[in-house]
């Protein structure tokens, strides 16, 4: 990391004042006590044809990069195809962040509230990002979509947008790693009009009456399955492999314990294989005050657990007999984390909490289900990167950008931020993206300086 930076990854703060960030800055409208919304922040003039740096995307990564570029005095524009924090707006109605309040800590705006281990609903995440953008006077242009990015004959980049072409000396892509919903080929036998994608799911009331099959056992699939079951729906969950963690250990959130170790500092180079970047984040829930969410809790709730979808033939969904393997995989990952906590916490001056061992789990085979017996199929089988609008070989075989500290190794002047495991496990999360933003902004500054000398 560069020696001069205003950002750092948030770490669990002590309980304290009920303010957010510096008292000299306007309070973001996140659970604000202010009676009126913030006035619009002043924005610099927008040159529709030329910009020094263009930041694509106004989620947490784009806003963090904007802050860091501003700290370095670098003129830039942030283009957002829809609205600030749109990826969070697109979550289902009851969505709640699975990491605690303290994780909402972008550069220059650390959490300083009195409930660091509470949980934030969807609309309040959006409110935090909107307030952050306003307090930083981020030069965001909403409703401007970048449809194509390519190198010019010179050393600049051309961006085609819905408001016309734009040239820039550099571009930082902050559109997120996972933009294209993955639909396994085995599901081709399910008619599209029977499928509700997790990106389109909003609430149980919007699904047709009848039992629901949820395909995919990651965070979204498990949270949706739980919500449907609590609403009285009969649910079958086709499970894949996913890690899980308890919500709390000795009364302290497990994410907080893990943040006290090297867990979130794991570099990309330490992954066993490139495809490990596609593994689900650990299963846990922030809903209703935060609670455990895993195969055992779902089974106890009455969700029918099945192996992954093995085939869809003649309108019948068949399941693989691998549920026990998926449960064992998740249990093994929790065993790995128990070892990390037990080894690292004492060395860092923390006590070791009680680390529970999961109870045995009996996996029962699930018979095939005719599609005609289902009211809906919810597809929650994950997302994949989609940078197809970049007209250059900038990504690897899985679709992730090829970078060195966020700087493209393939396209001069192109940078990325907010990519899952771009530098570490924390690269894309709210409390870690600021560190990457500082590094990327430093690389941008260096690149601009080098170009000016040519």
Protein backbone atom coordinates (compact mmCIF):
# COMPACT_ATOMS: atom_id res chain seq x y z
CA UNK A 1 0.00 0.00 0.00
CA UNK A 2 1.24 3.52 -0.70
CA UNK A 3 2.57 5.40 2.32
CA UNK A 4 0.22 8.34 1.80
CA UNK A 5 -3.44 7.47 1.90
CA UNK A 6 -6.50 8.65 3.74
CA UNK A 7 -8.14 5.24 3.61
CA UNK A 8 -7.86 2.11 5.67
CA UNK A 9 -10.02 -0.93 6.20
CA UNK A 10 -12.52 -0.38 8.95
CA UNK A 11 -12.07 -2.54 11.98
CA UNK A 12 -14.62 -3.10 14.73
CA UNK A 13 -14.83 0.20 16.64
CA UNK A 14 -15.72 0.59 20.28
CA UNK A 15 -19.22 1.70 21.11
CA UNK A 16 -19.27 5.46 21.21
CA UNK A 17 -21.03 8.46 19.90
CA UNK A 18 -24.07 8.26 17.71
CA UNK A 19 -22.45 10.25 14.92
CA UNK A 20 -21.04 8.98 11.64
CA UNK A 21 -17.58 10.04 10.58
CA UNK A 22 -16.12 13.46 11.12
CA UNK A 23 -18.37 16.00 12.87
CA UNK A 24 -17.15 18.61 10.40
CA UNK A 25 -18.79 16.78 7.51
CA UNK A 26 -22.55 16.70 6.80
CA UNK A 27 -24.24 13.72 8.40
CA UNK A 28 -25.17 11.11 5.79
CA UNK A 29 -28.91 10.33 5.77
CA UNK A 30 -28.41 6.86 7.27
CA UNK A 31 -30.70 6.61 10.27
CA UNK A 32 -30.13 10.34 10.47
CA UNK A 33 -31.65 12.46 13.18
CA UNK A 34 -31.73 15.39 10.78
CA UNK A 35 -35.26 16.52 9.99
CA UNK A 36 -34.46 17.48 6.39
CA UNK A 37 -32.48 15.76 3.63
CA UNK A 38 -29.02 16.97 2.74
CA UNK A 39 -28.85 19.71 0.11
CA UNK A 40 -27.25 18.69 -3.19
CA UNK A 41 -23.46 18.92 -3.04
CA UNK A 42 -21.72 21.22 -5.52
CA UNK A 43 -20.42 19.35 -8.55
CA UNK A 44 -17.58 20.34 -10.86
CA UNK A 45 -18.35 21.14 -14.50
CA UNK A 46 -18.84 18.07 -16.70
CA UNK A 47 -17.01 17.92 -20.01
CA UNK A 48 -19.03 15.50 -22.12
CA UNK A 49 -16.16 14.97 -24.56
CA UNK A 50 -13.01 14.85 -22.44
CA UNK A 51 -12.01 13.91 -18.90
CA UNK A 52 -8.73 13.17 -17.18
CA UNK A 53 -10.11 10.06 -15.46
CA UNK A 54 -13.48 8.35 -15.81
CA UNK A 55 -14.72 6.13 -12.99
CA UNK A 56 -17.38 3.69 -14.19
CA UNK A 57 -19.90 2.80 -11.49
CA UNK A 58 -21.09 4.61 -8.35
CA UNK A 59 -21.30 1.82 -5.82
CA UNK A 60 -18.98 1.56 -2.83
CA UNK A 61 -15.91 0.96 -5.02
CA UNK A 62 -16.56 3.85 -7.40
CA UNK A 63 -17.28 6.26 -4.56
CA UNK A 64 -14.17 5.14 -2.66
CA UNK A 65 -12.01 5.60 -5.76
CA UNK A 66 -13.56 9.03 -6.33
CA UNK A 67 -12.63 10.01 -2.78
CA UNK A 68 -9.04 8.85 -3.22
CA UNK A 69 -8.65 10.57 -6.60
CA UNK A 70 -9.99 13.76 -5.06
CA UNK A 71 -7.50 13.48 -2.21
CA UNK A 72 -4.75 13.46 -4.84
CA UNK A 73 -6.21 16.40 -6.76
CA UNK A 74 -6.98 14.31 -9.84
CA UNK A 75 -9.84 15.62 -11.98
CA UNK A 76 -12.37 12.89 -12.68
CA UNK A 77 -15.97 12.04 -13.46
CA UNK A 78 -18.01 9.12 -12.08
CA UNK A 79 -20.52 7.68 -14.55
CA UNK A 80 -23.37 5.57 -13.16
CA UNK A 81 -25.79 3.84 -15.51
CA UNK A 82 -28.67 4.16 -13.08
CA UNK A 83 -28.50 5.59 -9.56
CA UNK A 84 -25.90 5.64 -6.78
CA UNK A 85 -25.76 2.24 -5.09
CA UNK A 86 -27.96 0.61 -7.73
CA UNK A 87 -26.70 -2.91 -7.01
CA UNK A 88 -28.03 -2.55 -3.45
CA UNK A 89 -31.34 -1.10 -4.66
CA UNK A 90 -31.80 -4.23 -6.77
CA UNK A 91 -31.80 -6.57 -3.75
CA UNK A 92 -35.04 -8.07 -2.48
CA UNK A 93 -37.27 -6.06 -0.17
CA UNK A 94 -36.20 -7.59 3.15
CA UNK A 95 -32.50 -7.80 2.31
CA UNK A 96 -30.20 -7.03 5.22
CA UNK A 97 -26.43 -6.71 5.11
CA UNK A 98 -24.76 -9.82 6.58
CA UNK A 99 -21.79 -7.90 7.98
CA UNK A 100 -22.25 -5.65 11.05
CA UNK A 101 -22.74 -1.89 11.15
CA UNK A 102 -19.03 -1.25 11.65
CA UNK A 103 -18.37 -2.65 8.16
CA UNK A 104 -19.99 0.45 6.64
CA UNK A 105 -16.77 2.41 6.65
CA UNK A 106 -15.71 3.96 3.37
CA UNK A 107 -12.61 6.22 3.24
CA UNK A 108 -13.09 9.35 5.31
CA UNK A 109 -16.38 8.12 6.80
CA UNK A 110 -15.78 5.45 9.46
CA UNK A 111 -18.67 4.15 11.51
CA UNK A 112 -18.78 5.85 14.90
CA UNK A 113 -22.24 4.87 16.07
CA UNK A 114 -23.37 3.21 19.27
CA UNK A 115 -24.42 -0.14 17.74
CA UNK A 116 -21.41 -1.46 15.81
CA UNK A 117 -22.73 -5.02 15.72
CA UNK A 118 -26.24 -4.29 14.48
CA UNK A 119 -27.31 -4.95 10.89
CA UNK A 120 -28.30 -2.65 8.08
CA UNK A 121 -31.37 -3.11 5.84
CA UNK A 122 -31.17 -2.55 2.11
CA UNK A 123 -32.57 0.97 1.99
CA UNK A 124 -30.21 2.17 4.71
CA UNK A 125 -27.20 0.85 2.80
CA UNK A 126 -28.39 2.93 -0.15
CA UNK A 127 -28.90 5.92 2.15
CA UNK A 128 -25.38 5.58 3.48
CA UNK A 129 -23.90 5.55 -0.03
CA UNK A 130 -26.01 8.51 -1.13
CA UNK A 131 -24.98 10.44 1.97
CA UNK A 132 -21.34 9.52 1.44
CA UNK A 133 -21.44 10.75 -2.15
CA UNK A 134 -23.03 14.03 -1.05
CA UNK A 135 -20.61 14.60 1.82
CA UNK A 136 -17.64 14.00 -0.47
CA UNK A 137 -19.09 16.11 -3.30
CA UNK A 138 -18.44 13.14 -5.57
CA UNK A 139 -18.73 14.16 -9.26
CA UNK A 140 -21.32 11.49 -10.04
CA UNK A 141 -23.39 11.60 -13.24
CA UNK A 142 -26.37 9.30 -12.81
CA UNK A 143 -28.22 7.79 -15.75
CA UNK A 144 -25.13 7.62 -17.98
CA UNK A 145 -24.28 4.10 -19.11
CA UNK A 146 -20.93 3.17 -20.60
CA UNK A 147 -21.66 0.76 -23.45
CA UNK A 148 -18.15 0.34 -24.83
CA UNK A 149 -14.57 1.01 -23.76
CA UNK A 150 -11.61 0.77 -26.13
CA UNK A 151 -8.14 2.18 -26.73
CA UNK A 152 -7.76 5.01 -29.23
CA UNK A 153 -4.92 5.19 -31.74
CA UNK A 154 -3.11 7.41 -29.27
CA UNK A 155 -2.60 6.70 -25.59
CA UNK A 156 -6.13 7.54 -24.51
CA UNK A 157 -9.28 5.56 -23.87
CA UNK A 158 -12.59 6.05 -25.66
CA UNK A 159 -15.80 5.39 -23.79
CA UNK A 160 -19.07 5.22 -25.69
CA UNK A 161 -21.91 6.28 -23.41
CA UNK A 162 -25.63 6.89 -23.65
CA UNK A 163 -24.77 10.61 -23.72
CA UNK A 164 -22.21 10.27 -26.49
CA UNK A 165 -18.50 9.41 -26.74
CA UNK A 166 -15.97 10.47 -24.14
CA UNK A 167 -12.18 10.33 -24.12
CA UNK A 168 -10.05 9.94 -21.02
CA UNK A 169 -6.43 9.50 -20.07
CA UNK A 170 -7.46 6.69 -17.71
CA UNK A 171 -10.54 4.77 -16.65
CA UNK A 172 -11.28 2.93 -13.41
CA UNK A 173 -13.94 0.24 -13.81
CA UNK A 174 -15.94 -0.20 -10.59
CA UNK A 175 -18.97 -2.09 -11.87
CA UNK A 176 -18.52 -5.12 -9.60
CA UNK A 177 -17.33 -8.65 -10.24
CA UNK A 178 -20.67 -10.40 -10.55
CA UNK A 179 -23.05 -8.83 -13.08
CA UNK A 180 -24.27 -11.80 -15.11
CA UNK A 181 -26.51 -14.36 -13.43
CA UNK A 182 -25.28 -17.89 -14.00
CA UNK A 183 -27.77 -20.46 -15.26
CA UNK A 184 -26.28 -23.98 -15.35
CA UNK A 185 -26.87 -25.86 -18.59
CA UNK A 186 -28.64 -28.63 -16.69
CA UNK A 187 -31.51 -26.20 -16.08
CA UNK A 188 -32.19 -25.72 -19.80
CA UNK A 189 -35.19 -28.02 -19.46
CA UNK A 190 -36.99 -25.54 -17.19
CA UNK A 191 -39.02 -23.04 -19.27
CA UNK A 192 -37.86 -19.46 -18.78
CA UNK A 193 -41.37 -18.33 -17.81
CA UNK A 194 -41.26 -20.69 -14.81
CA UNK A 195 -38.02 -19.20 -13.48
CA UNK A 196 -37.64 -16.22 -11.15
CA UNK A 197 -34.01 -15.15 -10.99
CA UNK A 198 -32.72 -14.12 -7.58
CA UNK A 199 -31.88 -10.71 -9.07
CA UNK A 200 -35.60 -10.27 -9.84
CA UNK A 201 -36.99 -11.73 -6.60
CA UNK A 202 -38.55 -9.15 -4.27
CA UNK A 203 -40.85 -10.91 -1.78
CA UNK A 204 -42.88 -14.11 -1.24
CA UNK A 205 -46.08 -12.29 -2.22
CA UNK A 206 -44.86 -11.79 -5.78
CA UNK A 207 -44.37 -15.50 -6.49
CA UNK A 208 -47.19 -17.71 -7.79
CA UNK A 209 -48.99 -19.89 -5.26
CA UNK A 210 -47.59 -23.34 -4.65
CA UNK A 211 -44.35 -25.01 -3.56
CA UNK A 212 -41.08 -23.38 -4.59
CA UNK A 213 -37.82 -24.94 -5.71
CA UNK A 214 -34.80 -22.74 -4.94
CA UNK A 215 -31.77 -23.73 -7.00
CA UNK A 216 -28.49 -22.69 -5.37
CA UNK A 217 -27.39 -22.81 -1.76
CA UNK A 218 -25.26 -19.69 -1.46
CA UNK A 219 -26.15 -16.65 0.62
CA UNK A 220 -29.00 -15.46 -1.59
CA UNK A 221 -30.50 -18.91 -2.11
CA UNK A 222 -30.49 -19.74 1.59
CA UNK A 223 -31.87 -16.36 2.65
CA UNK A 224 -34.66 -16.52 0.07
CA UNK A 225 -35.48 -20.12 1.02
CA UNK A 226 -35.70 -19.10 4.68
CA UNK A 227 -37.94 -16.12 3.92
CA UNK A 228 -40.27 -18.23 1.79
CA UNK A 229 -40.53 -20.91 4.45
CA UNK A 230 -41.28 -18.35 7.16
CA UNK A 231 -44.07 -17.06 4.90
CA UNK A 232 -45.63 -20.53 4.94
CA UNK A 233 -44.38 -21.75 1.56
CA UNK A 234 -43.26 -25.34 1.04
CA UNK A 235 -39.64 -25.02 -0.10
CA UNK A 236 -37.12 -27.42 -1.60
CA UNK A 237 -33.56 -26.11 -1.73
CA UNK A 238 -31.15 -27.68 -4.22
CA UNK A 239 -27.85 -27.22 -2.42
CA UNK A 240 -24.34 -26.73 -3.68
CA UNK A 241 -21.13 -26.33 -1.73
CA UNK A 242 -20.88 -23.33 0.56
CA UNK A 243 -19.04 -22.47 3.78
CA UNK A 244 -20.91 -21.26 6.86
CA UNK A 245 -20.14 -19.50 10.13
CA UNK A 246 -22.07 -19.05 13.38
CA UNK A 247 -23.57 -15.59 13.73
CA UNK A 248 -21.93 -14.96 17.09
CA UNK A 249 -19.25 -16.47 19.31
CA UNK A 250 -19.43 -15.62 23.01
CA UNK A 251 -21.82 -12.79 22.15
CA UNK A 252 -19.50 -11.16 19.61
CA UNK A 253 -20.19 -11.31 15.88
CA UNK A 254 -18.08 -13.90 14.08
CA UNK A 255 -17.23 -11.39 11.34
CA UNK A 256 -15.74 -9.20 14.07
CA UNK A 257 -13.65 -12.12 15.36
CA UNK A 258 -12.47 -12.92 11.82
CA UNK A 259 -11.55 -9.27 11.20
CA UNK A 260 -9.15 -9.58 14.14
CA UNK A 261 -7.24 -12.28 12.25
CA UNK A 262 -5.65 -12.43 8.80
CA UNK A 263 -8.83 -13.93 7.30
CA UNK A 264 -9.79 -10.89 5.23
CA UNK A 265 -6.16 -10.19 4.30
CA UNK A 266 -5.79 -13.47 2.38
CA UNK A 267 -4.26 -12.57 -1.02
CA UNK A 268 -5.48 -13.85 -4.36
CA UNK A 269 -2.22 -15.79 -4.77
CA UNK A 270 -3.09 -17.93 -1.73
CA UNK A 271 -6.25 -19.39 -3.28
CA UNK A 272 -5.92 -23.09 -4.17
CA UNK A 273 -7.27 -22.52 -7.69
CA UNK A 274 -8.62 -19.60 -9.74
CA UNK A 275 -12.15 -21.02 -9.58
CA UNK A 276 -12.10 -20.60 -5.79
CA UNK A 277 -13.08 -16.97 -6.45
CA UNK A 278 -16.52 -18.28 -7.41
CA UNK A 279 -17.15 -19.94 -4.04
CA UNK A 280 -20.03 -18.52 -2.01
CA UNK A 281 -19.33 -16.25 0.92
CA UNK A 282 -20.02 -17.93 4.29
CA UNK A 283 -23.69 -18.58 5.03
CA UNK A 284 -25.08 -16.39 7.82
CA UNK A 285 -27.93 -13.88 8.12
CA UNK A 286 -28.27 -10.29 9.27
CA UNK A 287 -32.08 -10.37 9.12
CA UNK A 288 -34.18 -9.90 12.26
CA UNK A 289 -31.20 -8.90 14.37
CA UNK A 290 -28.81 -11.48 12.89
CA UNK A 291 -28.88 -15.25 13.28
CA UNK A 292 -27.33 -18.52 12.16
CA UNK A 293 -28.29 -19.65 8.67
CA UNK A 294 -27.06 -22.95 7.30
CA UNK A 295 -28.24 -26.39 6.25
CA UNK A 296 -29.12 -27.36 9.81
CA UNK A 297 -31.16 -24.25 10.57
CA UNK A 298 -33.03 -24.52 7.28
CA UNK A 299 -33.78 -28.20 7.83
CA UNK A 300 -35.07 -27.44 11.33
CA UNK A 301 -37.32 -24.77 9.82
CA UNK A 302 -38.90 -27.30 7.49
CA UNK A 303 -37.04 -26.57 4.25
CA UNK A 304 -36.53 -29.78 2.26
CA UNK A 305 -32.83 -30.00 1.41
CA UNK A 306 -31.69 -31.79 -1.74
CA UNK A 307 -28.47 -32.29 -3.63
CA UNK A 308 -27.70 -30.21 -6.70
CA UNK A 309 -29.98 -30.49 -9.73
CA UNK A 310 -28.70 -33.46 -11.72
CA UNK A 311 -31.18 -33.43 -14.61
CA UNK A 312 -34.39 -31.92 -15.92
CA UNK A 313 -36.07 -34.39 -18.27
CA UNK A 314 -39.64 -34.41 -19.54
CA UNK A 315 -40.68 -31.79 -17.04
CA UNK A 316 -39.22 -33.58 -14.01
CA UNK A 317 -36.38 -32.26 -11.83
CA UNK A 318 -34.00 -34.91 -10.47
CA UNK A 319 -31.43 -34.31 -7.73
CA UNK A 320 -27.96 -35.72 -7.19
CA UNK A 321 -27.30 -37.75 -4.06
CA UNK A 322 -24.60 -35.37 -2.82
CA UNK A 323 -26.27 -33.37 -0.05
CA UNK A 324 -24.09 -35.09 2.55
CA UNK A 325 -21.00 -34.01 0.60
CA UNK A 326 -22.18 -30.39 0.55
CA UNK A 327 -22.83 -30.43 4.30
CA UNK A 328 -19.42 -31.98 4.93
CA UNK A 329 -17.77 -29.32 2.77
CA UNK A 330 -19.35 -26.50 4.77
CA UNK A 331 -18.45 -28.16 8.06
CA UNK A 332 -14.84 -28.60 6.92
CA UNK A 333 -14.57 -24.90 6.08
CA UNK A 334 -15.85 -23.99 9.56
CA UNK A 335 -13.26 -26.37 11.01
CA UNK A 336 -10.60 -24.49 9.03
CA UNK A 337 -11.80 -21.20 10.49
CA UNK A 338 -11.82 -22.61 14.01
CA UNK A 339 -8.12 -23.34 13.55
CA UNK A 340 -7.47 -19.79 12.28
CA UNK A 341 -9.28 -18.25 15.24
CA UNK A 342 -7.64 -20.52 17.81
CA UNK A 343 -4.16 -19.89 16.42
CA UNK A 344 -4.26 -16.17 15.64
CA UNK A 345 -6.46 -14.54 18.27
CA UNK A 346 -4.10 -15.14 21.24
CA UNK A 347 -1.13 -13.93 19.20
CA UNK A 348 -3.00 -10.68 18.57
CA UNK A 349 -4.05 -10.16 22.16
CA UNK A 350 -7.61 -11.48 21.98
CA UNK A 351 -9.22 -14.32 23.94
CA UNK A 352 -10.39 -17.40 22.07
CA UNK A 353 -14.18 -17.73 22.20
CA UNK A 354 -15.96 -21.05 22.47
CA UNK A 355 -15.81 -22.59 19.00
CA UNK A 356 -18.81 -24.91 18.54
CA UNK A 357 -18.54 -28.17 16.64
CA UNK A 358 -21.59 -28.89 14.44
CA UNK A 359 -23.95 -31.72 15.30
CA UNK A 360 -24.20 -34.73 12.99
CA UNK A 361 -26.43 -34.25 9.97
CA UNK A 362 -28.52 -36.98 8.36
CA UNK A 363 -28.95 -36.36 4.63
CA UNK A 364 -31.98 -38.02 3.08
CA UNK A 365 -32.43 -38.49 -0.68
CA UNK A 366 -35.15 -36.38 -2.28
CA UNK A 367 -37.29 -37.94 -5.02
CA UNK A 368 -37.68 -36.18 -8.39
CA UNK A 369 -40.19 -33.31 -8.50
CA UNK A 370 -42.46 -32.69 -11.52
CA UNK A 371 -42.39 -29.05 -12.57
CA UNK A 372 -46.17 -29.12 -12.68
CA UNK A 373 -46.23 -29.51 -8.90
CA UNK A 374 -44.24 -26.32 -8.36
CA UNK A 375 -45.54 -22.78 -8.18
CA UNK A 376 -42.15 -21.32 -9.04
CA UNK A 377 -38.46 -22.04 -9.47
CA UNK A 378 -36.10 -19.44 -7.98
CA UNK A 379 -32.69 -19.42 -9.65
CA UNK A 380 -29.97 -18.50 -7.15
CA UNK A 381 -27.03 -20.32 -8.70
CA UNK A 382 -24.63 -17.42 -8.52
CA UNK A 383 -23.25 -14.72 -10.78
CA UNK A 384 -20.27 -14.40 -13.10
CA UNK A 385 -18.14 -11.45 -14.20
CA UNK A 386 -19.26 -9.54 -17.28
CA UNK A 387 -16.84 -7.08 -18.81
CA UNK A 388 -17.92 -7.85 -22.37
CA UNK A 389 -18.31 -4.12 -23.07
CA UNK A 390 -14.52 -3.67 -22.77
CA UNK A 391 -13.13 -4.20 -26.27
CA UNK A 392 -9.76 -5.55 -25.24
CA UNK A 393 -8.45 -8.87 -23.88
CA UNK A 394 -8.44 -7.56 -20.32
CA UNK A 395 -9.77 -10.63 -18.46
CA UNK A 396 -8.83 -14.21 -17.66
CA UNK A 397 -10.69 -17.37 -18.67
CA UNK A 398 -13.18 -16.95 -15.81
CA UNK A 399 -13.87 -13.35 -16.76
CA UNK A 400 -11.95 -11.64 -13.94
CA UNK A 401 -9.74 -8.67 -14.87
CA UNK A 402 -6.01 -9.33 -15.15
CA UNK A 403 -4.45 -6.74 -12.86
CA UNK A 404 -1.48 -5.81 -10.76
CA UNK A 405 -2.77 -3.88 -7.74
CA UNK A 406 -5.81 -2.91 -9.79
CA UNK A 407 -3.86 -1.75 -12.84
CA UNK A 408 -4.65 -3.73 -15.97
CA UNK A 409 -1.69 -5.78 -17.13
CA UNK A 410 -3.18 -5.88 -20.63
CA UNK A 411 -4.59 -2.41 -21.36
CA UNK A 412 -2.56 0.75 -20.54
CA UNK A 413 -4.61 3.35 -18.72
CA UNK A 414 -7.26 0.88 -17.54
CA UNK A 415 -7.78 0.15 -13.85
CA UNK A 416 -10.26 -1.83 -11.75
CA UNK A 417 -11.56 -1.66 -8.19
CA UNK A 418 -14.22 -3.53 -6.24
CA UNK A 419 -13.36 -6.87 -7.85
CA UNK A 420 -13.76 -9.94 -5.64
CA UNK A 421 -10.29 -11.04 -4.48
CA UNK A 422 -8.61 -8.44 -6.70
CA UNK A 423 -5.91 -8.06 -4.05
CA UNK A 424 -7.33 -9.76 -0.94
CA UNK A 425 -10.50 -11.35 0.36
CA UNK A 426 -11.62 -7.86 1.49
CA UNK A 427 -11.21 -6.24 -1.93
CA UNK A 428 -14.92 -5.98 -2.73
CA UNK A 429 -16.49 -5.65 0.72
CA UNK A 430 -17.59 -2.38 2.27
CA UNK A 431 -14.89 -2.34 4.94
CA UNK A 432 -12.06 -3.40 2.62
CA UNK A 433 -12.67 -1.62 -0.67
CA UNK A 434 -11.15 1.60 0.68
CA UNK A 435 -7.71 0.03 0.95
CA UNK A 436 -7.84 -1.08 -2.67
CA UNK A 437 -9.19 2.31 -3.75
CA UNK A 438 -6.14 4.01 -2.24
CA UNK A 439 -3.78 1.64 -4.02
CA UNK A 440 -5.60 2.04 -7.34
CA UNK A 441 -5.70 5.83 -7.07
CA UNK A 442 -1.97 5.78 -6.39
CA UNK A 443 -1.42 3.72 -9.52
CA UNK A 444 -3.58 6.13 -11.53
CA UNK A 445 -1.57 9.10 -10.27
CA UNK A 446 1.66 7.35 -11.16
CA UNK A 447 0.38 6.47 -14.63
CA UNK A 448 -0.75 10.03 -15.34
CA UNK A 449 2.61 11.39 -14.21
CA UNK A 450 4.49 8.95 -16.44
CA UNK A 451 2.27 9.79 -19.43
CA UNK A 452 2.88 13.51 -18.89
CA UNK A 453 6.64 12.93 -19.21
CA UNK A 454 6.30 11.27 -22.61
